[in-house]
Amino acid sequence: MRLLAAVLVVLIAVVASQQTLDEKVQNLVDLTARQSIVKFNLDKWKNLVRMQPRNYSMIVMFTALSPGVNCPICKPAYEEFMIVANSHRYTSAESERRKLFFGIVDYEDAPQIFQQMNLNTAPILYHFGPKLSGKKKPEQMDFQRQGFDADAIGRFVADQSEVHVRVIRPPNYTAPVVIALFVSLLLGMLYMKRNSLDFLLNRTMWGFVCLAITFIFMSGQMWNHIRGPPFMINNPQTKEPSFIHGSTQFQLIAETYIVAVLYALVAVGFICVNEAADQTKEKKAAAGKKTNSLLALINVPANTLAIVGLVLICVFFSFLLSVFRSKYRGYPYSFLFA
């Protein structure tokens, strides 16, 4: 009789815990029905994230979105996080949506949760698995190495929870509008200058246009338009500003400007060397021969121009290698600078 009573008590406890688990999952489903993420306060945090039973995964971002907090990286990281959460909400199957939920803890709304997790920096992304107990530390995403764009967050989610989220970005109409305005302005200028279009045959002008387009694509400006990274970030340990991201999967706006300028200076070096060779040939040509070169108007000796070009090439190509080494840690080669 006592054995039967003990078994009955165990069965009742199992049924009660199962009902509690179903209620928690349904509560999360209701919370994410209107928006893709759960905004946690202390009660929701204890009940839905830290307390067992739990058969689902939680991807939680700790951030500080208040304007009074100096966190330039928090807003762009939050926007990328929302892209992944919205993609999961609209593209994943119903069974997958009940296995994985996204949440956010804002320091202004719940500083007690930051204290419980011993956090003093933001943003931080954690994965709380189904079997994670209250004392174990959750898996953290390394923003410094992996970046914080939506694709990187999606890969982190897939590795940790085995739920693959197909990242879909909302359409951005800024680029088509800017292109349409630029084309309209260009056509208007051509119409106003329709009686004198000799400038269209200027080789120097077209050379500058081609170089500018090349530098734009080589520096990663199109990546900036697609991903929308911040201009710079602050190192969470030293609080010092960083203009070059340490990961090959991410870049900053300031970084693209630096790379574009370095490429441009290397190109100027090659132009100087080429112009020095042309000046040497022109001395052997007819005295009255006219050249369209821009540097030919500058009275610089050919030898000096060649030396200046070589110095520009060597120095700024070495800087380019240094930038690449800072992003790809295992790259073994360098030139003038480590």
C-alpha atoms as a PDB file:
ATOM      1  CA  MET A   1       0.000   0.000   0.000  1.00  0.00           C
ATOM      2  CA  ARG A   2       2.834   2.407   0.855  1.00  0.00           C
ATOM      3  CA  LEU A   3       4.577   1.549  -2.441  1.00  0.00           C
ATOM      4  CA  LEU A   4       1.396   2.273  -4.375  1.00  0.00           C
ATOM      5  CA  ALA A   5       1.010   5.612  -2.617  1.00  0.00           C
ATOM      6  CA  ALA A   6       4.615   6.566  -3.404  1.00  0.00           C
ATOM      7  CA  VAL A   7       4.157   5.691  -7.072  1.00  0.00           C
ATOM      8  CA  LEU A   8       0.946   7.711  -7.131  1.00  0.00           C
ATOM      9  CA  VAL A   9       2.721  10.735  -5.634  1.00  0.00           C
ATOM     10  CA  VAL A  10       5.500  10.476  -8.238  1.00  0.00           C
ATOM     11  CA  LEU A  11       2.974  10.273 -11.081  1.00  0.00           C
ATOM     12  CA  ILE A  12       1.099  13.291  -9.745  1.00  0.00           C
ATOM     13  CA  ALA A  13       4.371  15.253  -9.528  1.00  0.00           C
ATOM     14  CA  VAL A  14       5.302  14.306 -13.090  1.00  0.00           C
ATOM     15  CA  VAL A  15       1.889  15.331 -14.399  1.00  0.00           C
ATOM     16  CA  ALA A  16       2.033  18.613 -12.467  1.00  0.00           C
ATOM     17  CA  SER A  17       5.500  19.418 -13.804  1.00  0.00           C
ATOM     18  CA  GLN A  18       4.362  18.589 -17.344  1.00  0.00           C
ATOM     19  CA  GLN A  19       1.446  20.976 -16.998  1.00  0.00           C
ATOM     20  CA  THR A  20       3.793  23.628 -15.712  1.00  0.00           C
ATOM     21  CA  LEU A  21       6.081  23.099 -18.708  1.00  0.00           C
ATOM     22  CA  ASP A  22       3.174  23.307 -21.131  1.00  0.00           C
ATOM     23  CA  GLU A  23       2.006  26.489 -19.475  1.00  0.00           C
ATOM     24  CA  LYS A  24       5.477  28.033 -19.760  1.00  0.00           C
ATOM     25  CA  VAL A  25       5.725  27.184 -23.449  1.00  0.00           C
ATOM     26  CA  GLN A  26       2.241  28.525 -24.101  1.00  0.00           C
ATOM     27  CA  ASN A  27       3.098  31.673 -22.171  1.00  0.00           C
ATOM     28  CA  LEU A  28       6.138  32.208 -24.404  1.00  0.00           C
ATOM     29  CA  VAL A  29       4.051  31.540 -27.507  1.00  0.00           C
ATOM     30  CA  ASP A  30       1.545  34.161 -26.381  1.00  0.00           C
ATOM     31  CA  LEU A  31       4.296  36.673 -25.588  1.00  0.00           C
ATOM     32  CA  THR A  32       5.872  36.247 -29.042  1.00  0.00           C
ATOM     33  CA  ALA A  33       2.587  36.308 -30.921  1.00  0.00           C
ATOM     34  CA  ARG A  34       2.630  40.110 -31.249  1.00  0.00           C
ATOM     35  CA  GLN A  35       6.389  40.721 -31.246  1.00  0.00           C
ATOM     36  CA  SER A  36       9.339  38.484 -31.982  1.00  0.00           C
ATOM     37  CA  ILE A  37      11.181  38.904 -28.687  1.00  0.00           C
ATOM     38  CA  VAL A  38      10.319  38.697 -25.006  1.00  0.00           C
ATOM     39  CA  LYS A  39      11.266  41.715 -22.912  1.00  0.00           C
ATOM     40  CA  PHE A  40      12.238  40.278 -19.566  1.00  0.00           C
ATOM     41  CA  ASN A  41      11.631  41.682 -16.151  1.00  0.00           C
ATOM     42  CA  LEU A  42      12.808  39.914 -12.991  1.00  0.00           C
ATOM     43  CA  ASP A  43       9.720  37.697 -12.612  1.00  0.00           C
ATOM     44  CA  LYS A  44       9.666  36.558 -16.235  1.00  0.00           C
ATOM     45  CA  TRP A  45      13.410  35.963 -16.080  1.00  0.00           C
ATOM     46  CA  LYS A  46      13.183  33.641 -13.066  1.00  0.00           C
ATOM     47  CA  ASN A  47      10.158  31.729 -14.344  1.00  0.00           C
ATOM     48  CA  LEU A  48      10.874  31.376 -18.061  1.00  0.00           C
ATOM     49  CA  VAL A  49      14.678  31.309 -18.274  1.00  0.00           C
ATOM     50  CA  ARG A  50      16.317  30.192 -15.034  1.00  0.00           C
ATOM     51  CA  MET A  51      13.724  27.827 -13.612  1.00  0.00           C
ATOM     52  CA  GLN A  52      13.233  24.210 -14.637  1.00  0.00           C
ATOM     53  CA  PRO A  53      11.458  22.351 -16.220  1.00  0.00           C
ATOM     54  CA  ARG A  54      12.350  23.687 -19.653  1.00  0.00           C
ATOM     55  CA  ASN A  55      12.424  21.881 -23.008  1.00  0.00           C
ATOM     56  CA  TYR A  56      13.165  24.937 -25.148  1.00  0.00           C
ATOM     57  CA  SER A  57      16.147  27.183 -25.863  1.00  0.00           C
ATOM     58  CA  MET A  58      16.325  30.881 -25.086  1.00  0.00           C
ATOM     59  CA  ILE A  59      18.579  33.290 -27.004  1.00  0.00           C
ATOM     60  CA  VAL A  60      18.841  36.363 -24.780  1.00  0.00           C
ATOM     61  CA  MET A  61      20.610  39.617 -25.558  1.00  0.00           C
ATOM     62  CA  PHE A  62      21.759  41.804 -22.687  1.00  0.00           C
ATOM     63  CA  THR A  63      21.922  45.393 -23.874  1.00  0.00           C
ATOM     64  CA  ALA A  64      21.648  49.041 -22.864  1.00  0.00           C
ATOM     65  CA  LEU A  65      19.523  50.984 -25.329  1.00  0.00           C
ATOM     66  CA  SER A  66      18.970  54.049 -23.161  1.00  0.00           C
ATOM     67  CA  PRO A  67      20.356  57.257 -24.709  1.00  0.00           C
ATOM     68  CA  GLY A  68      21.975  58.099 -21.379  1.00  0.00           C
ATOM     69  CA  VAL A  69      24.229  55.026 -21.628  1.00  0.00           C
ATOM     70  CA  ASN A  70      27.242  55.453 -23.881  1.00  0.00           C
ATOM     71  CA  CYS A  71      26.914  52.255 -25.929  1.00  0.00           C
ATOM     72  CA  PRO A  72      27.327  52.959 -29.669  1.00  0.00           C
ATOM     73  CA  ILE A  73      27.333  49.264 -30.574  1.00  0.00           C
ATOM     74  CA  CYS A  74      24.151  48.345 -28.662  1.00  0.00           C
ATOM     75  CA  LYS A  75      21.654  49.729 -31.171  1.00  0.00           C
ATOM     76  CA  PRO A  76      23.147  48.158 -34.333  1.00  0.00           C
ATOM     77  CA  ALA A  77      23.603  44.835 -32.501  1.00  0.00           C
ATOM     78  CA  TYR A  78      19.979  44.996 -31.321  1.00  0.00           C
ATOM     79  CA  GLU A  79      18.783  45.691 -34.873  1.00  0.00           C
ATOM     80  CA  GLU A  80      20.693  42.657 -36.199  1.00  0.00           C
ATOM     81  CA  PHE A  81      19.289  40.573 -33.344  1.00  0.00           C
ATOM     82  CA  MET A  82      15.758  41.677 -34.256  1.00  0.00           C
ATOM     83  CA  ILE A  83      16.322  40.625 -37.873  1.00  0.00           C
ATOM     84  CA  VAL A  84      17.106  37.088 -36.713  1.00  0.00           C
ATOM     85  CA  ALA A  85      14.155  37.015 -34.298  1.00  0.00           C
ATOM     86  CA  ASN A  86      11.726  38.265 -36.959  1.00  0.00           C
ATOM     87  CA  SER A  87      13.113  35.772 -39.481  1.00  0.00           C
ATOM     88  CA  HIS A  88      12.538  32.953 -36.994  1.00  0.00           C
ATOM     89  CA  ARG A  89       9.012  34.153 -36.335  1.00  0.00           C
ATOM     90  CA  TYR A  90       7.943  34.355 -39.974  1.00  0.00           C
ATOM     91  CA  THR A  91       9.956  31.581 -41.660  1.00  0.00           C
ATOM     92  CA  SER A  92      10.313  28.758 -39.113  1.00  0.00           C
ATOM     93  CA  ALA A  93       7.776  25.969 -38.740  1.00  0.00           C
ATOM     94  CA  GLU A  94       5.437  25.841 -35.763  1.00  0.00           C
ATOM     95  CA  SER A  95       7.394  23.009 -34.140  1.00  0.00           C
ATOM     96  CA  GLU A  96      10.653  24.975 -34.502  1.00  0.00           C
ATOM     97  CA  ARG A  97       9.094  28.106 -33.029  1.00  0.00           C
ATOM     98  CA  ARG A  98       8.171  26.144 -29.883  1.00  0.00           C
ATOM     99  CA  LYS A  99      11.772  24.968 -29.477  1.00  0.00           C
ATOM    100  CA  LEU A 100      13.478  28.356 -29.698  1.00  0.00           C
ATOM    101  CA  PHE A 101      12.579  31.770 -28.322  1.00  0.00           C
ATOM    102  CA  PHE A 102      14.354  35.133 -28.365  1.00  0.00           C
ATOM    103  CA  GLY A 103      14.476  37.599 -25.499  1.00  0.00           C
ATOM    104  CA  ILE A 104      16.110  40.841 -24.436  1.00  0.00           C
ATOM    105  CA  VAL A 105      17.209  42.283 -21.104  1.00  0.00           C
ATOM    106  CA  ASP A 106      17.660  46.042 -21.085  1.00  0.00           C
ATOM    107  CA  TYR A 107      19.764  47.441 -18.266  1.00  0.00           C
ATOM    108  CA  GLU A 108      17.345  50.306 -17.694  1.00  0.00           C
ATOM    109  CA  ASP A 109      14.394  47.906 -17.263  1.00  0.00           C
ATOM    110  CA  ALA A 110      16.044  45.128 -15.248  1.00  0.00           C
ATOM    111  CA  PRO A 111      19.417  46.012 -13.674  1.00  0.00           C
ATOM    112  CA  GLN A 112      18.898  43.207 -11.123  1.00  0.00           C
ATOM    113  CA  ILE A 113      19.289  40.615 -13.878  1.00  0.00           C
ATOM    114  CA  PHE A 114      22.608  42.169 -14.889  1.00  0.00           C
ATOM    115  CA  GLN A 115      23.730  41.874 -11.263  1.00  0.00           C
ATOM    116  CA  GLN A 116      22.663  38.231 -11.074  1.00  0.00           C
ATOM    117  CA  MET A 117      24.661  37.454 -14.222  1.00  0.00           C
ATOM    118  CA  ASN A 118      27.664  39.535 -13.017  1.00  0.00           C
ATOM    119  CA  LEU A 119      27.602  41.637 -16.183  1.00  0.00           C
ATOM    120  CA  ASN A 120      29.047  45.134 -16.488  1.00  0.00           C
ATOM    121  CA  THR A 121      29.285  45.399 -20.284  1.00  0.00           C
ATOM    122  CA  ALA A 122      26.857  45.260 -23.166  1.00  0.00           C
ATOM    123  CA  PRO A 123      25.809  43.942 -25.591  1.00  0.00           C
ATOM    124  CA  ILE A 124      26.182  40.260 -24.717  1.00  0.00           C
ATOM    125  CA  LEU A 125      24.338  37.331 -26.298  1.00  0.00           C
ATOM    126  CA  TYR A 126      23.681  34.127 -24.331  1.00  0.00           C
ATOM    127  CA  HIS A 127      22.134  30.778 -25.174  1.00  0.00           C
ATOM    128  CA  PHE A 128      20.174  29.150 -22.354  1.00  0.00           C
ATOM    129  CA  GLY A 129      19.690  25.513 -23.303  1.00  0.00           C
ATOM    130  CA  PRO A 130      16.904  23.202 -22.130  1.00  0.00           C
ATOM    131  CA  LYS A 131      19.132  21.354 -19.632  1.00  0.00           C
ATOM    132  CA  LEU A 132      20.909  24.418 -18.272  1.00  0.00           C
ATOM    133  CA  SER A 133      20.475  24.702 -14.520  1.00  0.00           C
ATOM    134  CA  GLY A 134      20.506  27.921 -12.540  1.00  0.00           C
ATOM    135  CA  LYS A 135      24.166  27.640 -11.477  1.00  0.00           C
ATOM    136  CA  LYS A 136      25.727  26.740 -14.828  1.00  0.00           C
ATOM    137  CA  LYS A 137      27.024  29.461 -17.122  1.00  0.00           C
ATOM    138  CA  PRO A 138      25.261  29.719 -20.492  1.00  0.00           C
ATOM    139  CA  GLU A 139      27.047  29.711 -23.825  1.00  0.00           C
ATOM    140  CA  GLN A 140      28.128  33.208 -24.910  1.00  0.00           C
ATOM    141  CA  MET A 141      28.617  34.480 -28.463  1.00  0.00           C
ATOM    142  CA  ASP A 142      32.007  36.084 -29.088  1.00  0.00           C
ATOM    143  CA  PHE A 143      31.184  39.355 -30.845  1.00  0.00           C
ATOM    144  CA  GLN A 144      34.851  40.312 -31.157  1.00  0.00           C
ATOM    145  CA  ARG A 145      35.670  37.190 -33.178  1.00  0.00           C
ATOM    146  CA  GLN A 146      32.373  36.372 -34.892  1.00  0.00           C
ATOM    147  CA  GLY A 147      30.851  39.830 -35.354  1.00  0.00           C
ATOM    148  CA  PHE A 148      27.272  40.712 -34.463  1.00  0.00           C
ATOM    149  CA  ASP A 149      25.563  40.797 -37.855  1.00  0.00           C
ATOM    150  CA  ALA A 150      22.390  38.777 -38.394  1.00  0.00           C
ATOM    151  CA  ASP A 151      24.119  35.999 -40.347  1.00  0.00           C
ATOM    152  CA  ALA A 152      26.678  35.464 -37.576  1.00  0.00           C
ATOM    153  CA  ILE A 153      23.917  35.401 -34.944  1.00  0.00           C
ATOM    154  CA  GLY A 154      22.000  32.903 -37.091  1.00  0.00           C
ATOM    155  CA  ARG A 155      25.035  30.603 -37.229  1.00  0.00           C
ATOM    156  CA  PHE A 156      25.464  30.874 -33.456  1.00  0.00           C
ATOM    157  CA  VAL A 157      21.792  29.960 -32.957  1.00  0.00           C
ATOM    158  CA  ALA A 158      22.093  26.965 -35.289  1.00  0.00           C
ATOM    159  CA  ASP A 159      25.243  25.693 -33.554  1.00  0.00           C
ATOM    160  CA  GLN A 160      23.778  25.989 -30.075  1.00  0.00           C
ATOM    161  CA  SER A 161      20.122  25.055 -30.505  1.00  0.00           C
ATOM    162  CA  GLU A 162      20.203  23.008 -33.763  1.00  0.00           C
ATOM    163  CA  VAL A 163      17.394  25.241 -35.053  1.00  0.00           C
ATOM    164  CA  HIS A 164      18.360  26.769 -38.396  1.00  0.00           C
ATOM    165  CA  VAL A 165      16.937  30.250 -38.966  1.00  0.00           C
ATOM    166  CA  ARG A 166      16.783  31.520 -42.538  1.00  0.00           C
ATOM    167  CA  VAL A 167      17.803  35.168 -42.160  1.00  0.00           C
ATOM    168  CA  ILE A 168      15.664  37.525 -44.247  1.00  0.00           C
ATOM    169  CA  ARG A 169      16.454  41.215 -44.213  1.00  0.00           C
ATOM    170  CA  PRO A 170      13.718  43.813 -44.725  1.00  0.00           C
ATOM    171  CA  PRO A 171      13.918  45.675 -48.046  1.00  0.00           C
ATOM    172  CA  ASN A 172      15.955  48.864 -48.042  1.00  0.00           C
ATOM    173  CA  TYR A 173      14.835  51.477 -50.577  1.00  0.00           C
ATOM    174  CA  THR A 174      17.492  54.052 -49.722  1.00  0.00           C
ATOM    175  CA  ALA A 175      20.017  52.862 -52.311  1.00  0.00           C
ATOM    176  CA  PRO A 176      17.556  52.830 -55.280  1.00  0.00           C
ATOM    177  CA  VAL A 177      16.313  56.312 -54.373  1.00  0.00           C
ATOM    178  CA  VAL A 178      19.870  57.684 -54.138  1.00  0.00           C
ATOM    179  CA  ILE A 179      20.806  56.071 -57.454  1.00  0.00           C
ATOM    180  CA  ALA A 180      17.688  57.475 -59.144  1.00  0.00           C
ATOM    181  CA  LEU A 181      18.471  60.978 -57.846  1.00  0.00           C
ATOM    182  CA  PHE A 182      22.092  60.698 -58.992  1.00  0.00           C
ATOM    183  CA  VAL A 183      21.072  59.545 -62.477  1.00  0.00           C
ATOM    184  CA  SER A 184      18.513  62.344 -62.715  1.00  0.00           C
ATOM    185  CA  LEU A 185      21.152  64.901 -61.698  1.00  0.00           C
ATOM    186  CA  LEU A 186      23.619  63.508 -64.231  1.00  0.00           C
ATOM    187  CA  LEU A 187      21.072  63.583 -67.057  1.00  0.00           C
ATOM    188  CA  GLY A 188      20.128  67.140 -66.103  1.00  0.00           C
ATOM    189  CA  MET A 189      23.758  68.262 -66.262  1.00  0.00           C
ATOM    190  CA  LEU A 190      24.204  66.613 -69.660  1.00  0.00           C
ATOM    191  CA  TYR A 191      21.089  68.369 -70.928  1.00  0.00           C
ATOM    192  CA  MET A 192      22.332  71.748 -69.687  1.00  0.00           C
ATOM    193  CA  LYS A 193      25.728  71.152 -71.337  1.00  0.00           C
ATOM    194  CA  ARG A 194      24.341  69.591 -74.506  1.00  0.00           C
ATOM    195  CA  ASN A 195      26.155  72.094 -76.723  1.00  0.00           C
ATOM    196  CA  SER A 196      29.608  71.373 -75.262  1.00  0.00           C
ATOM    197  CA  LEU A 197      30.131  67.709 -74.419  1.00  0.00           C
ATOM    198  CA  ASP A 198      33.868  67.631 -75.040  1.00  0.00           C
ATOM    199  CA  PHE A 199      34.496  66.823 -71.385  1.00  0.00           C
ATOM    200  CA  LEU A 200      33.046  63.352 -72.011  1.00  0.00           C
ATOM    201  CA  LEU A 201      36.164  62.576 -74.078  1.00  0.00           C
ATOM    202  CA  ASN A 202      38.552  63.570 -71.282  1.00  0.00           C
ATOM    203  CA  ARG A 203      40.634  60.501 -70.420  1.00  0.00           C
ATOM    204  CA  THR A 204      41.776  61.905 -67.082  1.00  0.00           C
ATOM    205  CA  MET A 205      38.218  62.419 -65.881  1.00  0.00           C
ATOM    206  CA  TRP A 206      37.170  58.876 -66.834  1.00  0.00           C
ATOM    207  CA  GLY A 207      40.306  57.535 -65.163  1.00  0.00           C
ATOM    208  CA  PHE A 208      39.371  59.212 -61.883  1.00  0.00           C
ATOM    209  CA  VAL A 209      35.794  57.871 -62.168  1.00  0.00           C
ATOM    210  CA  CYS A 210      36.999  54.307 -62.744  1.00  0.00           C
ATOM    211  CA  LEU A 211      39.446  54.504 -59.854  1.00  0.00           C
ATOM    212  CA  ALA A 212      36.780  55.909 -57.523  1.00  0.00           C
ATOM    213  CA  ILE A 213      34.377  53.057 -58.380  1.00  0.00           C
ATOM    214  CA  THR A 214      37.165  50.527 -57.878  1.00  0.00           C
ATOM    215  CA  PHE A 215      38.094  51.915 -54.449  1.00  0.00           C
ATOM    216  CA  ILE A 216      34.435  51.944 -53.380  1.00  0.00           C
ATOM    217  CA  PHE A 217      33.980  48.243 -54.133  1.00  0.00           C
ATOM    218  CA  MET A 218      37.389  47.144 -52.858  1.00  0.00           C
ATOM    219  CA  SER A 219      36.965  48.924 -49.535  1.00  0.00           C
ATOM    220  CA  GLY A 220      33.590  47.284 -48.810  1.00  0.00           C
ATOM    221  CA  GLN A 221      31.193  50.210 -49.120  1.00  0.00           C
ATOM    222  CA  MET A 222      28.491  47.960 -50.577  1.00  0.00           C
ATOM    223  CA  TRP A 223      28.812  45.722 -47.514  1.00  0.00           C
ATOM    224  CA  ASN A 224      28.136  48.787 -45.368  1.00  0.00           C
ATOM    225  CA  HIS A 225      24.963  49.586 -47.309  1.00  0.00           C
ATOM    226  CA  ILE A 226      23.730  46.012 -46.889  1.00  0.00           C
ATOM    227  CA  ARG A 227      24.674  45.379 -43.244  1.00  0.00           C
ATOM    228  CA  GLY A 228      24.602  48.887 -41.771  1.00  0.00           C
ATOM    229  CA  PRO A 229      27.553  48.531 -39.332  1.00  0.00           C
ATOM    230  CA  PRO A 230      28.499  51.247 -36.804  1.00  0.00           C
ATOM    231  CA  PHE A 231      31.143  53.833 -37.610  1.00  0.00           C
ATOM    232  CA  MET A 232      33.367  52.602 -34.752  1.00  0.00           C
ATOM    233  CA  ILE A 233      33.154  50.546 -31.561  1.00  0.00           C
ATOM    234  CA  ASN A 234      34.599  50.800 -28.061  1.00  0.00           C
ATOM    235  CA  ASN A 235      36.650  47.967 -26.641  1.00  0.00           C
ATOM    236  CA  PRO A 236      34.580  46.550 -23.721  1.00  0.00           C
ATOM    237  CA  GLN A 237      37.711  45.914 -21.637  1.00  0.00           C
ATOM    238  CA  THR A 238      39.789  49.044 -22.227  1.00  0.00           C
ATOM    239  CA  LYS A 239      36.972  51.398 -23.351  1.00  0.00           C
ATOM    240  CA  GLU A 240      39.252  52.623 -26.134  1.00  0.00           C
ATOM    241  CA  PRO A 241      37.733  53.379 -29.570  1.00  0.00           C
ATOM    242  CA  SER A 242      38.418  50.835 -32.299  1.00  0.00           C
ATOM    243  CA  PHE A 243      38.247  51.765 -35.971  1.00  0.00           C
ATOM    244  CA  ILE A 244      39.161  48.327 -37.361  1.00  0.00           C
ATOM    245  CA  HIS A 245      37.147  45.259 -36.353  1.00  0.00           C
ATOM    246  CA  GLY A 246      39.176  42.236 -35.284  1.00  0.00           C
ATOM    247  CA  SER A 247      37.052  39.696 -37.184  1.00  0.00           C
ATOM    248  CA  THR A 248      37.099  38.719 -40.855  1.00  0.00           C
ATOM    249  CA  GLN A 249      33.292  38.370 -40.709  1.00  0.00           C
ATOM    250  CA  PHE A 250      32.610  42.018 -39.854  1.00  0.00           C
ATOM    251  CA  GLN A 251      33.861  45.505 -40.608  1.00  0.00           C
ATOM    252  CA  LEU A 252      33.240  49.082 -39.495  1.00  0.00           C
ATOM    253  CA  ILE A 253      32.458  52.164 -41.579  1.00  0.00           C
ATOM    254  CA  ALA A 254      35.686  53.851 -40.477  1.00  0.00           C
ATOM    255  CA  GLU A 255      37.559  50.732 -41.552  1.00  0.00           C
ATOM    256  CA  THR A 256      36.268  51.007 -45.121  1.00  0.00           C
ATOM    257  CA  TYR A 257      37.413  54.641 -45.302  1.00  0.00           C
ATOM    258  CA  ILE A 258      40.879  53.666 -44.069  1.00  0.00           C
ATOM    259  CA  VAL A 259      41.170  50.838 -46.605  1.00  0.00           C
ATOM    260  CA  ALA A 260      39.935  53.048 -49.464  1.00  0.00           C
ATOM    261  CA  VAL A 261      42.495  55.754 -48.639  1.00  0.00           C
ATOM    262  CA  LEU A 262      45.301  53.186 -48.461  1.00  0.00           C
ATOM    263  CA  TYR A 263      44.344  51.717 -51.832  1.00  0.00           C
ATOM    264  CA  ALA A 264      44.160  55.225 -53.313  1.00  0.00           C
ATOM    265  CA  LEU A 265      47.637  56.121 -52.049  1.00  0.00           C
ATOM    266  CA  VAL A 266      49.063  52.883 -53.468  1.00  0.00           C
ATOM    267  CA  ALA A 267      47.425  53.744 -56.799  1.00  0.00           C
ATOM    268  CA  VAL A 268      48.938  57.236 -56.668  1.00  0.00           C
ATOM    269  CA  GLY A 269      52.325  55.598 -56.189  1.00  0.00           C
ATOM    270  CA  PHE A 270      51.887  53.474 -59.313  1.00  0.00           C
ATOM    271  CA  ILE A 271      50.729  56.551 -61.258  1.00  0.00           C
ATOM    272  CA  CYS A 272      53.888  58.415 -60.188  1.00  0.00           C
ATOM    273  CA  VAL A 273      56.110  55.547 -61.307  1.00  0.00           C
ATOM    274  CA  ASN A 274      54.274  55.297 -64.629  1.00  0.00           C
ATOM    275  CA  GLU A 275      54.474  59.062 -65.131  1.00  0.00           C
ATOM    276  CA  ALA A 276      58.229  59.012 -64.471  1.00  0.00           C
ATOM    277  CA  ALA A 277      58.636  56.441 -67.227  1.00  0.00           C
ATOM    278  CA  ASP A 278      56.478  58.531 -69.592  1.00  0.00           C
ATOM    279  CA  GLN A 279      58.548  61.655 -68.916  1.00  0.00           C
ATOM    280  CA  THR A 280      61.702  59.740 -69.772  1.00  0.00           C
ATOM    281  CA  LYS A 281      60.203  58.653 -73.086  1.00  0.00           C
ATOM    282  CA  GLU A 282      58.945  62.161 -73.855  1.00  0.00           C
ATOM    283  CA  LYS A 283      62.468  63.572 -73.636  1.00  0.00           C
ATOM    284  CA  LYS A 284      63.358  61.420 -76.613  1.00  0.00           C
ATOM    285  CA  ALA A 285      60.201  62.399 -78.502  1.00  0.00           C
ATOM    286  CA  ALA A 286      59.487  65.608 -80.405  1.00  0.00           C
ATOM    287  CA  ALA A 287      59.732  68.806 -78.303  1.00  0.00           C
ATOM    288  CA  GLY A 288      56.294  70.060 -79.323  1.00  0.00           C
ATOM    289  CA  LYS A 289      54.414  66.887 -78.516  1.00  0.00           C
ATOM    290  CA  LYS A 290      51.469  67.467 -76.154  1.00  0.00           C
ATOM    291  CA  THR A 291      50.478  65.067 -73.389  1.00  0.00           C
ATOM    292  CA  ASN A 292      47.143  64.641 -71.602  1.00  0.00           C
ATOM    293  CA  SER A 293      48.732  63.448 -68.362  1.00  0.00           C
ATOM    294  CA  LEU A 294      47.790  65.371 -65.227  1.00  0.00           C
ATOM    295  CA  LEU A 295      51.189  64.945 -63.573  1.00  0.00           C
ATOM    296  CA  ALA A 296      52.952  66.190 -66.680  1.00  0.00           C
ATOM    297  CA  LEU A 297      51.865  69.692 -65.710  1.00  0.00           C
ATOM    298  CA  ILE A 298      53.945  69.438 -62.513  1.00  0.00           C
ATOM    299  CA  ASN A 299      57.600  70.207 -63.084  1.00  0.00           C
ATOM    300  CA  VAL A 300      59.092  67.283 -61.132  1.00  0.00           C
ATOM    301  CA  PRO A 301      62.162  65.401 -62.335  1.00  0.00           C
ATOM    302  CA  ALA A 302      61.510  61.844 -63.479  1.00  0.00           C
ATOM    303  CA  ASN A 303      63.915  60.322 -60.951  1.00  0.00           C
ATOM    304  CA  THR A 304      62.306  62.160 -58.037  1.00  0.00           C
ATOM    305  CA  LEU A 305      58.835  61.172 -59.227  1.00  0.00           C
ATOM    306  CA  ALA A 306      59.863  57.521 -59.455  1.00  0.00           C
ATOM    307  CA  ILE A 307      61.321  57.548 -55.922  1.00  0.00           C
ATOM    308  CA  VAL A 308      58.188  59.192 -54.515  1.00  0.00           C
ATOM    309  CA  GLY A 309      56.041  56.577 -56.242  1.00  0.00           C
ATOM    310  CA  LEU A 310      58.097  53.683 -54.891  1.00  0.00           C
ATOM    311  CA  VAL A 311      57.959  55.086 -51.356  1.00  0.00           C
ATOM    312  CA  LEU A 312      54.172  55.476 -51.554  1.00  0.00           C
ATOM    313  CA  ILE A 313      53.747  51.927 -52.848  1.00  0.00           C
ATOM    314  CA  CYS A 314      55.998  50.319 -50.237  1.00  0.00           C
ATOM    315  CA  VAL A 315      54.753  52.261 -47.206  1.00  0.00           C
ATOM    316  CA  PHE A 316      51.015  52.145 -47.805  1.00  0.00           C
ATOM    317  CA  PHE A 317      50.994  48.587 -49.130  1.00  0.00           C
ATOM    318  CA  SER A 318      52.692  47.650 -45.849  1.00  0.00           C
ATOM    319  CA  PHE A 319      49.875  49.408 -43.972  1.00  0.00           C
ATOM    320  CA  LEU A 320      47.342  47.376 -45.993  1.00  0.00           C
ATOM    321  CA  LEU A 321      49.084  44.167 -44.987  1.00  0.00           C
ATOM    322  CA  SER A 322      49.014  45.302 -41.344  1.00  0.00           C
ATOM    323  CA  VAL A 323      45.259  45.908 -41.521  1.00  0.00           C
ATOM    324  CA  PHE A 324      44.754  42.475 -43.041  1.00  0.00           C
ATOM    325  CA  ARG A 325      46.928  40.841 -40.364  1.00  0.00           C
ATOM    326  CA  SER A 326      44.893  42.534 -37.618  1.00  0.00           C
ATOM    327  CA  LYS A 327      41.720  40.943 -38.994  1.00  0.00           C
ATOM    328  CA  TYR A 328      43.174  37.566 -40.000  1.00  0.00           C
ATOM    329  CA  ARG A 329      45.309  36.615 -37.005  1.00  0.00           C
ATOM    330  CA  GLY A 330      46.983  33.627 -38.614  1.00  0.00           C
ATOM    331  CA  TYR A 331      48.321  35.454 -41.666  1.00  0.00           C
ATOM    332  CA  PRO A 332      52.128  35.001 -41.514  1.00  0.00           C
ATOM    333  CA  TYR A 333      53.393  37.684 -43.923  1.00  0.00           C
ATOM    334  CA  SER A 334      54.227  41.348 -43.408  1.00  0.00           C
ATOM    335  CA  PHE A 335      56.395  43.926 -45.168  1.00  0.00           C
ATOM    336  CA  LEU A 336      57.620  47.056 -43.391  1.00  0.00           C
ATOM    337  CA  PHE A 337      55.275  47.003 -40.375  1.00  0.00           C
ATOM    338  CA  ALA A 338      54.246  44.129 -38.124  1.00  0.00           C
END
